[in-house]
Amino acid sequence: MTRHFSNQCHGFTLLDLITAMAITAILVTVAVPSFDSYVRKNAVFSDRKMINSALMSARYEAVARNKTVSICPSGTGENCDGDWNEGWIVFQDDGADHSGTARDGVRNGDEEVVLASIYDGSNSFSILDVSTESSLDYLSFNEYGRPSVEGEQINRPILIQICGAKKVASFARGLMLIGTGRVLQTIDSDGDGVHESRFANASNTLSSTSDLSCL
């Protein structure tokens, strides 16, 4: 029996290559923005978890030590410097045997640092007293685990907000600190793609609600 072998090689035609390149371009166009969105949201989620952990540490230490424990912005891990975007420290705000001033929200003297976090990400943080619409440069927890400012327990709504590098509201996430010391996460209750802060009054009636904003 005689066998015949073909010397012809079958490859891709120019049309096949053009079609494959077009499909690849479409997939990249769709996938890249989606991946970028995922990365940005995940970064904000991670940062929200990080500052929430710091707040819970401050509250726990205040109760455990039976002392006022404060959290303030710090880029050095040692002193309060007023910029939440560089990091923060949690410290025992007790005056350290009169070497500093107790319950003033500023670490001075020999006041003990409980936790230090240096932040090198691109997101931004803010802590807002919702009732007065003013920014806070520190926050304290008293020996009962309740939020306080200048040594006085407060029952005002406090919003901790994290914004992405591009300042897009739909990527913003927040934490709501209420008078009992509990921290709640913001949610998108109306389905418009933007989270809201929602606080109740002493009668557990919704007293304020507002979309998060990164402006």
C-alpha atoms as a PDB file:
ATOM      1  CA  MET A   1       0.000   0.000   0.000  1.00  0.00           C
ATOM      2  CA  THR A   2       1.336   3.412  -0.925  1.00  0.00           C
ATOM      3  CA  ARG A   3       0.889   6.223   1.581  1.00  0.00           C
ATOM      4  CA  HIS A   4       0.860   9.828   0.548  1.00  0.00           C
ATOM      5  CA  PHE A   5       1.849  12.599   2.978  1.00  0.00           C
ATOM      6  CA  SER A   6       0.910  16.201   2.467  1.00  0.00           C
ATOM      7  CA  ASN A   7       3.627  18.815   2.810  1.00  0.00           C
ATOM      8  CA  GLN A   8       1.090  21.589   3.337  1.00  0.00           C
ATOM      9  CA  CYS A   9       0.969  23.344   6.739  1.00  0.00           C
ATOM     10  CA  HIS A  10      -2.317  24.817   7.889  1.00  0.00           C
ATOM     11  CA  GLY A  11      -1.995  27.971  10.072  1.00  0.00           C
ATOM     12  CA  PHE A  12      -3.976  31.076  10.924  1.00  0.00           C
ATOM     13  CA  THR A  13      -5.174  33.325   8.207  1.00  0.00           C
ATOM     14  CA  LEU A  14      -4.919  37.098   8.425  1.00  0.00           C
ATOM     15  CA  LEU A  15      -8.646  37.230   9.067  1.00  0.00           C
ATOM     16  CA  ASP A  16      -8.271  34.819  12.003  1.00  0.00           C
ATOM     17  CA  LEU A  17      -5.569  37.014  13.559  1.00  0.00           C
ATOM     18  CA  ILE A  18      -7.577  40.205  13.125  1.00  0.00           C
ATOM     19  CA  THR A  19     -10.628  38.542  14.698  1.00  0.00           C
ATOM     20  CA  ALA A  20      -8.598  37.278  17.666  1.00  0.00           C
ATOM     21  CA  MET A  21      -7.050  40.708  18.222  1.00  0.00           C
ATOM     22  CA  ALA A  22     -10.474  42.380  18.115  1.00  0.00           C
ATOM     23  CA  ILE A  23     -11.876  39.946  20.693  1.00  0.00           C
ATOM     24  CA  THR A  24      -8.843  40.478  22.936  1.00  0.00           C
ATOM     25  CA  ALA A  25      -9.234  44.255  22.721  1.00  0.00           C
ATOM     26  CA  ILE A  26     -12.902  44.012  23.715  1.00  0.00           C
ATOM     27  CA  LEU A  27     -12.108  41.756  26.673  1.00  0.00           C
ATOM     28  CA  VAL A  28      -9.359  44.104  27.890  1.00  0.00           C
ATOM     29  CA  THR A  29     -11.659  47.121  27.554  1.00  0.00           C
ATOM     30  CA  VAL A  30     -14.270  45.426  29.724  1.00  0.00           C
ATOM     31  CA  ALA A  31     -11.981  43.705  32.222  1.00  0.00           C
ATOM     32  CA  VAL A  32      -9.486  46.455  33.087  1.00  0.00           C
ATOM     33  CA  PRO A  33     -12.017  48.990  34.496  1.00  0.00           C
ATOM     34  CA  SER A  34     -13.740  46.219  36.460  1.00  0.00           C
ATOM     35  CA  PHE A  35     -10.446  45.080  37.951  1.00  0.00           C
ATOM     36  CA  ASP A  36      -9.463  48.662  38.785  1.00  0.00           C
ATOM     37  CA  SER A  37     -12.810  49.163  40.536  1.00  0.00           C
ATOM     38  CA  TYR A  38     -12.315  45.964  42.514  1.00  0.00           C
ATOM     39  CA  VAL A  39      -8.828  46.980  43.643  1.00  0.00           C
ATOM     40  CA  ARG A  40      -9.967  50.469  44.716  1.00  0.00           C
ATOM     41  CA  LYS A  41     -12.953  49.163  46.677  1.00  0.00           C
ATOM     42  CA  ASN A  42     -10.870  46.484  48.331  1.00  0.00           C
ATOM     43  CA  ALA A  43      -8.316  49.102  49.440  1.00  0.00           C
ATOM     44  CA  VAL A  44     -11.056  51.188  51.093  1.00  0.00           C
ATOM     45  CA  PHE A  45     -12.550  48.085  52.772  1.00  0.00           C
ATOM     46  CA  SER A  46      -9.121  47.170  54.134  1.00  0.00           C
ATOM     47  CA  ASP A  47      -8.516  50.678  55.497  1.00  0.00           C
ATOM     48  CA  ARG A  48     -11.951  50.791  57.107  1.00  0.00           C
ATOM     49  CA  LYS A  49     -11.174  47.512  58.862  1.00  0.00           C
ATOM     50  CA  MET A  50      -7.823  48.896  60.023  1.00  0.00           C
ATOM     51  CA  ILE A  51      -9.163  52.072  61.639  1.00  0.00           C
ATOM     52  CA  ASN A  52     -12.129  50.175  63.075  1.00  0.00           C
ATOM     53  CA  SER A  53      -9.648  47.857  64.768  1.00  0.00           C
ATOM     54  CA  ALA A  54      -7.837  50.878  66.241  1.00  0.00           C
ATOM     55  CA  LEU A  55     -11.096  52.308  67.610  1.00  0.00           C
ATOM     56  CA  MET A  56     -12.033  48.980  69.174  1.00  0.00           C
ATOM     57  CA  SER A  57      -8.561  48.679  70.705  1.00  0.00           C
ATOM     58  CA  ALA A  58      -8.910  52.150  72.237  1.00  0.00           C
ATOM     59  CA  ARG A  59     -12.307  51.297  73.687  1.00  0.00           C
ATOM     60  CA  TYR A  60     -11.174  47.933  75.056  1.00  0.00           C
ATOM     61  CA  GLU A  61      -8.040  49.379  76.647  1.00  0.00           C
ATOM     62  CA  ALA A  62     -10.028  52.190  78.265  1.00  0.00           C
ATOM     63  CA  VAL A  63     -12.303  49.694  80.010  1.00  0.00           C
ATOM     64  CA  ALA A  64      -9.503  47.245  80.843  1.00  0.00           C
ATOM     65  CA  ARG A  65      -7.258  49.961  82.323  1.00  0.00           C
ATOM     66  CA  ASN A  66     -10.107  51.961  83.887  1.00  0.00           C
ATOM     67  CA  LYS A  67      -8.525  55.026  82.280  1.00  0.00           C
ATOM     68  CA  THR A  68      -9.264  57.412  79.442  1.00  0.00           C
ATOM     69  CA  VAL A  69      -7.654  56.163  76.244  1.00  0.00           C
ATOM     70  CA  SER A  70      -7.439  58.423  73.199  1.00  0.00           C
ATOM     71  CA  ILE A  71      -6.740  58.022  69.505  1.00  0.00           C
ATOM     72  CA  CYS A  72      -5.165  60.866  67.548  1.00  0.00           C
ATOM     73  CA  PRO A  73      -3.569  61.260  64.113  1.00  0.00           C
ATOM     74  CA  SER A  74       0.169  60.636  63.985  1.00  0.00           C
ATOM     75  CA  GLY A  75       2.712  60.193  61.240  1.00  0.00           C
ATOM     76  CA  THR A  76       5.528  59.368  63.669  1.00  0.00           C
ATOM     77  CA  GLY A  77       3.921  56.747  65.882  1.00  0.00           C
ATOM     78  CA  GLU A  78       4.842  58.869  68.896  1.00  0.00           C
ATOM     79  CA  ASN A  79       3.108  62.265  68.864  1.00  0.00           C
ATOM     80  CA  CYS A  80      -0.202  63.708  67.646  1.00  0.00           C
ATOM     81  CA  ASP A  81       0.320  65.763  64.490  1.00  0.00           C
ATOM     82  CA  GLY A  82      -3.175  66.478  63.161  1.00  0.00           C
ATOM     83  CA  ASP A  83      -3.173  64.474  59.903  1.00  0.00           C
ATOM     84  CA  TRP A  84      -5.237  61.268  59.921  1.00  0.00           C
ATOM     85  CA  ASN A  85      -3.912  60.399  56.459  1.00  0.00           C
ATOM     86  CA  GLU A  86      -0.460  59.638  57.877  1.00  0.00           C
ATOM     87  CA  GLY A  87      -1.568  57.258  60.615  1.00  0.00           C
ATOM     88  CA  TRP A  88      -2.621  57.330  64.267  1.00  0.00           C
ATOM     89  CA  ILE A  89      -1.697  56.333  67.777  1.00  0.00           C
ATOM     90  CA  VAL A  90      -3.791  54.966  70.626  1.00  0.00           C
ATOM     91  CA  PHE A  91      -2.481  56.068  74.013  1.00  0.00           C
ATOM     92  CA  GLN A  92      -3.392  56.178  77.690  1.00  0.00           C
ATOM     93  CA  ASP A  93      -4.489  59.780  78.119  1.00  0.00           C
ATOM     94  CA  ASP A  94      -4.001  60.002  81.877  1.00  0.00           C
ATOM     95  CA  GLY A  95      -1.314  62.646  82.298  1.00  0.00           C
ATOM     96  CA  ALA A  96       1.279  60.014  83.289  1.00  0.00           C
ATOM     97  CA  ASP A  97       1.816  61.134  86.898  1.00  0.00           C
ATOM     98  CA  HIS A  98       1.507  64.811  85.997  1.00  0.00           C
ATOM     99  CA  SER A  99       4.162  64.655  83.263  1.00  0.00           C
ATOM    100  CA  GLY A 100       1.387  65.516  80.789  1.00  0.00           C
ATOM    101  CA  THR A 101      -2.203  66.741  80.701  1.00  0.00           C
ATOM    102  CA  ALA A 102      -4.891  64.120  81.265  1.00  0.00           C
ATOM    103  CA  ARG A 103      -7.819  63.672  78.864  1.00  0.00           C
ATOM    104  CA  ASP A 104      -6.732  66.399  76.461  1.00  0.00           C
ATOM    105  CA  GLY A 105      -6.421  64.177  73.375  1.00  0.00           C
ATOM    106  CA  VAL A 106      -2.735  65.010  72.961  1.00  0.00           C
ATOM    107  CA  ARG A 107       0.021  62.607  73.891  1.00  0.00           C
ATOM    108  CA  ASN A 108       2.520  64.405  76.084  1.00  0.00           C
ATOM    109  CA  GLY A 109       4.909  63.573  78.873  1.00  0.00           C
ATOM    110  CA  ASP A 110       5.279  59.839  79.453  1.00  0.00           C
ATOM    111  CA  GLU A 111       1.752  58.826  78.446  1.00  0.00           C
ATOM    112  CA  GLU A 112       1.878  55.215  77.241  1.00  0.00           C
ATOM    113  CA  VAL A 113       1.348  54.424  73.560  1.00  0.00           C
ATOM    114  CA  VAL A 114      -0.874  51.356  73.296  1.00  0.00           C
ATOM    115  CA  LEU A 115      -0.976  51.083  69.504  1.00  0.00           C
ATOM    116  CA  ALA A 116       0.757  52.902  66.648  1.00  0.00           C
ATOM    117  CA  SER A 117      -0.149  52.634  62.963  1.00  0.00           C
ATOM    118  CA  ILE A 118       1.777  54.474  60.247  1.00  0.00           C
ATOM    119  CA  TYR A 119      -0.297  54.775  57.081  1.00  0.00           C
ATOM    120  CA  ASP A 120       1.357  54.869  53.667  1.00  0.00           C
ATOM    121  CA  GLY A 121      -1.661  54.235  51.432  1.00  0.00           C
ATOM    122  CA  SER A 122      -3.404  56.648  49.076  1.00  0.00           C
ATOM    123  CA  ASN A 123      -6.862  56.785  50.687  1.00  0.00           C
ATOM    124  CA  SER A 124      -7.947  59.580  53.031  1.00  0.00           C
ATOM    125  CA  PHE A 125      -9.539  59.542  56.483  1.00  0.00           C
ATOM    126  CA  SER A 126     -11.720  62.023  58.344  1.00  0.00           C
ATOM    127  CA  ILE A 127     -13.517  62.019  61.692  1.00  0.00           C
ATOM    128  CA  LEU A 128     -16.545  64.283  61.836  1.00  0.00           C
ATOM    129  CA  ASP A 129     -18.839  65.412  64.623  1.00  0.00           C
ATOM    130  CA  VAL A 130     -22.071  65.179  62.657  1.00  0.00           C
ATOM    131  CA  SER A 131     -24.095  67.417  64.980  1.00  0.00           C
ATOM    132  CA  THR A 132     -21.703  70.364  64.585  1.00  0.00           C
ATOM    133  CA  GLU A 133     -20.286  69.400  61.162  1.00  0.00           C
ATOM    134  CA  SER A 134     -16.797  69.899  62.549  1.00  0.00           C
ATOM    135  CA  SER A 135     -13.697  67.760  62.130  1.00  0.00           C
ATOM    136  CA  LEU A 136     -12.171  66.122  65.185  1.00  0.00           C
ATOM    137  CA  ASP A 137      -8.418  65.874  65.692  1.00  0.00           C
ATOM    138  CA  TYR A 138      -8.766  63.239  68.401  1.00  0.00           C
ATOM    139  CA  LEU A 139     -11.297  60.938  69.988  1.00  0.00           C
ATOM    140  CA  SER A 140     -11.298  59.475  73.501  1.00  0.00           C
ATOM    141  CA  PHE A 141     -13.006  56.609  75.294  1.00  0.00           C
ATOM    142  CA  ASN A 142     -13.630  56.870  79.018  1.00  0.00           C
ATOM    143  CA  GLU A 143     -13.343  54.053  81.569  1.00  0.00           C
ATOM    144  CA  TYR A 144     -16.871  52.898  80.640  1.00  0.00           C
ATOM    145  CA  GLY A 145     -16.002  52.532  76.964  1.00  0.00           C
ATOM    146  CA  ARG A 146     -18.062  55.568  76.010  1.00  0.00           C
ATOM    147  CA  PRO A 147     -16.780  58.223  73.575  1.00  0.00           C
ATOM    148  CA  SER A 148     -15.656  61.457  75.188  1.00  0.00           C
ATOM    149  CA  VAL A 149     -14.080  64.788  74.270  1.00  0.00           C
ATOM    150  CA  GLU A 150     -12.172  67.002  76.722  1.00  0.00           C
ATOM    151  CA  GLY A 151     -12.955  64.550  79.508  1.00  0.00           C
ATOM    152  CA  GLU A 152     -16.719  64.800  79.006  1.00  0.00           C
ATOM    153  CA  GLN A 153     -18.779  61.870  77.765  1.00  0.00           C
ATOM    154  CA  ILE A 154     -20.576  62.751  74.546  1.00  0.00           C
ATOM    155  CA  ASN A 155     -23.696  61.353  72.972  1.00  0.00           C
ATOM    156  CA  ARG A 156     -23.273  63.043  69.610  1.00  0.00           C
ATOM    157  CA  PRO A 157     -23.035  61.076  66.358  1.00  0.00           C
ATOM    158  CA  ILE A 158     -19.441  60.658  65.129  1.00  0.00           C
ATOM    159  CA  LEU A 159     -18.700  59.663  61.534  1.00  0.00           C
ATOM    160  CA  ILE A 160     -15.377  58.139  60.517  1.00  0.00           C
ATOM    161  CA  GLN A 161     -15.095  58.287  56.723  1.00  0.00           C
ATOM    162  CA  ILE A 162     -12.625  56.699  54.311  1.00  0.00           C
ATOM    163  CA  CYS A 163     -12.394  58.004  50.750  1.00  0.00           C
ATOM    164  CA  GLY A 164     -10.524  56.526  47.815  1.00  0.00           C
ATOM    165  CA  ALA A 165      -7.651  58.302  46.093  1.00  0.00           C
ATOM    166  CA  LYS A 166      -9.903  59.524  43.273  1.00  0.00           C
ATOM    167  CA  LYS A 167     -12.462  60.994  45.714  1.00  0.00           C
ATOM    168  CA  VAL A 168     -15.423  59.186  44.118  1.00  0.00           C
ATOM    169  CA  ALA A 169     -18.419  59.076  46.468  1.00  0.00           C
ATOM    170  CA  SER A 170     -19.485  55.589  45.398  1.00  0.00           C
ATOM    171  CA  PHE A 171     -16.186  54.210  46.718  1.00  0.00           C
ATOM    172  CA  ALA A 172     -16.451  55.969  50.104  1.00  0.00           C
ATOM    173  CA  ARG A 173     -17.129  53.885  53.193  1.00  0.00           C
ATOM    174  CA  GLY A 174     -17.740  54.923  56.764  1.00  0.00           C
ATOM    175  CA  LEU A 175     -18.051  53.930  60.401  1.00  0.00           C
ATOM    176  CA  MET A 176     -20.668  55.384  62.723  1.00  0.00           C
ATOM    177  CA  LEU A 177     -19.686  55.751  66.379  1.00  0.00           C
ATOM    178  CA  ILE A 178     -22.702  56.048  68.670  1.00  0.00           C
ATOM    179  CA  GLY A 179     -22.985  57.129  72.299  1.00  0.00           C
ATOM    180  CA  THR A 180     -22.715  53.611  73.731  1.00  0.00           C
ATOM    181  CA  GLY A 181     -19.289  53.218  72.112  1.00  0.00           C
ATOM    182  CA  ARG A 182     -20.497  50.796  69.454  1.00  0.00           C
ATOM    183  CA  VAL A 183     -19.182  51.214  65.918  1.00  0.00           C
ATOM    184  CA  LEU A 184     -21.518  50.493  63.006  1.00  0.00           C
ATOM    185  CA  GLN A 185     -20.737  50.328  59.294  1.00  0.00           C
ATOM    186  CA  THR A 186     -22.425  52.607  56.797  1.00  0.00           C
ATOM    187  CA  ILE A 187     -24.613  50.994  54.141  1.00  0.00           C
ATOM    188  CA  ASP A 188     -26.236  51.902  50.834  1.00  0.00           C
ATOM    189  CA  SER A 189     -29.830  51.703  52.059  1.00  0.00           C
ATOM    190  CA  ASP A 190     -31.499  53.329  49.051  1.00  0.00           C
ATOM    191  CA  GLY A 191     -29.549  51.451  46.368  1.00  0.00           C
ATOM    192  CA  ASP A 192     -28.173  54.538  44.635  1.00  0.00           C
ATOM    193  CA  GLY A 193     -24.583  53.289  44.851  1.00  0.00           C
ATOM    194  CA  VAL A 194     -23.526  55.693  47.625  1.00  0.00           C
ATOM    195  CA  HIS A 195     -23.321  54.774  51.314  1.00  0.00           C
ATOM    196  CA  GLU A 196     -25.129  56.911  53.888  1.00  0.00           C
ATOM    197  CA  SER A 197     -24.538  57.747  57.516  1.00  0.00           C
ATOM    198  CA  ARG A 198     -27.670  57.052  59.539  1.00  0.00           C
ATOM    199  CA  PHE A 199     -27.926  58.054  63.191  1.00  0.00           C
ATOM    200  CA  ALA A 200     -30.770  57.661  65.664  1.00  0.00           C
ATOM    201  CA  ASN A 201     -31.627  59.841  68.658  1.00  0.00           C
ATOM    202  CA  ALA A 202     -32.176  58.737  72.269  1.00  0.00           C
ATOM    203  CA  SER A 203     -35.650  57.484  71.340  1.00  0.00           C
ATOM    204  CA  ASN A 204     -34.103  55.242  68.657  1.00  0.00           C
ATOM    205  CA  THR A 205     -35.737  57.369  65.967  1.00  0.00           C
ATOM    206  CA  LEU A 206     -33.748  58.211  62.858  1.00  0.00           C
ATOM    207  CA  SER A 207     -32.487  61.719  63.443  1.00  0.00           C
ATOM    208  CA  SER A 208     -30.055  62.267  60.603  1.00  0.00           C
ATOM    209  CA  THR A 209     -29.113  60.621  57.340  1.00  0.00           C
ATOM    210  CA  SER A 210     -26.718  61.870  54.720  1.00  0.00           C
ATOM    211  CA  ASP A 211     -24.828  60.501  51.715  1.00  0.00           C
ATOM    212  CA  LEU A 212     -21.100  60.127  52.193  1.00  0.00           C
ATOM    213  CA  SER A 213     -19.148  62.729  50.249  1.00  0.00           C
ATOM    214  CA  CYS A 214     -15.466  62.969  49.371  1.00  0.00           C
ATOM    215  CA  LEU A 215     -15.468  66.613  48.286  1.00  0.00           C
END
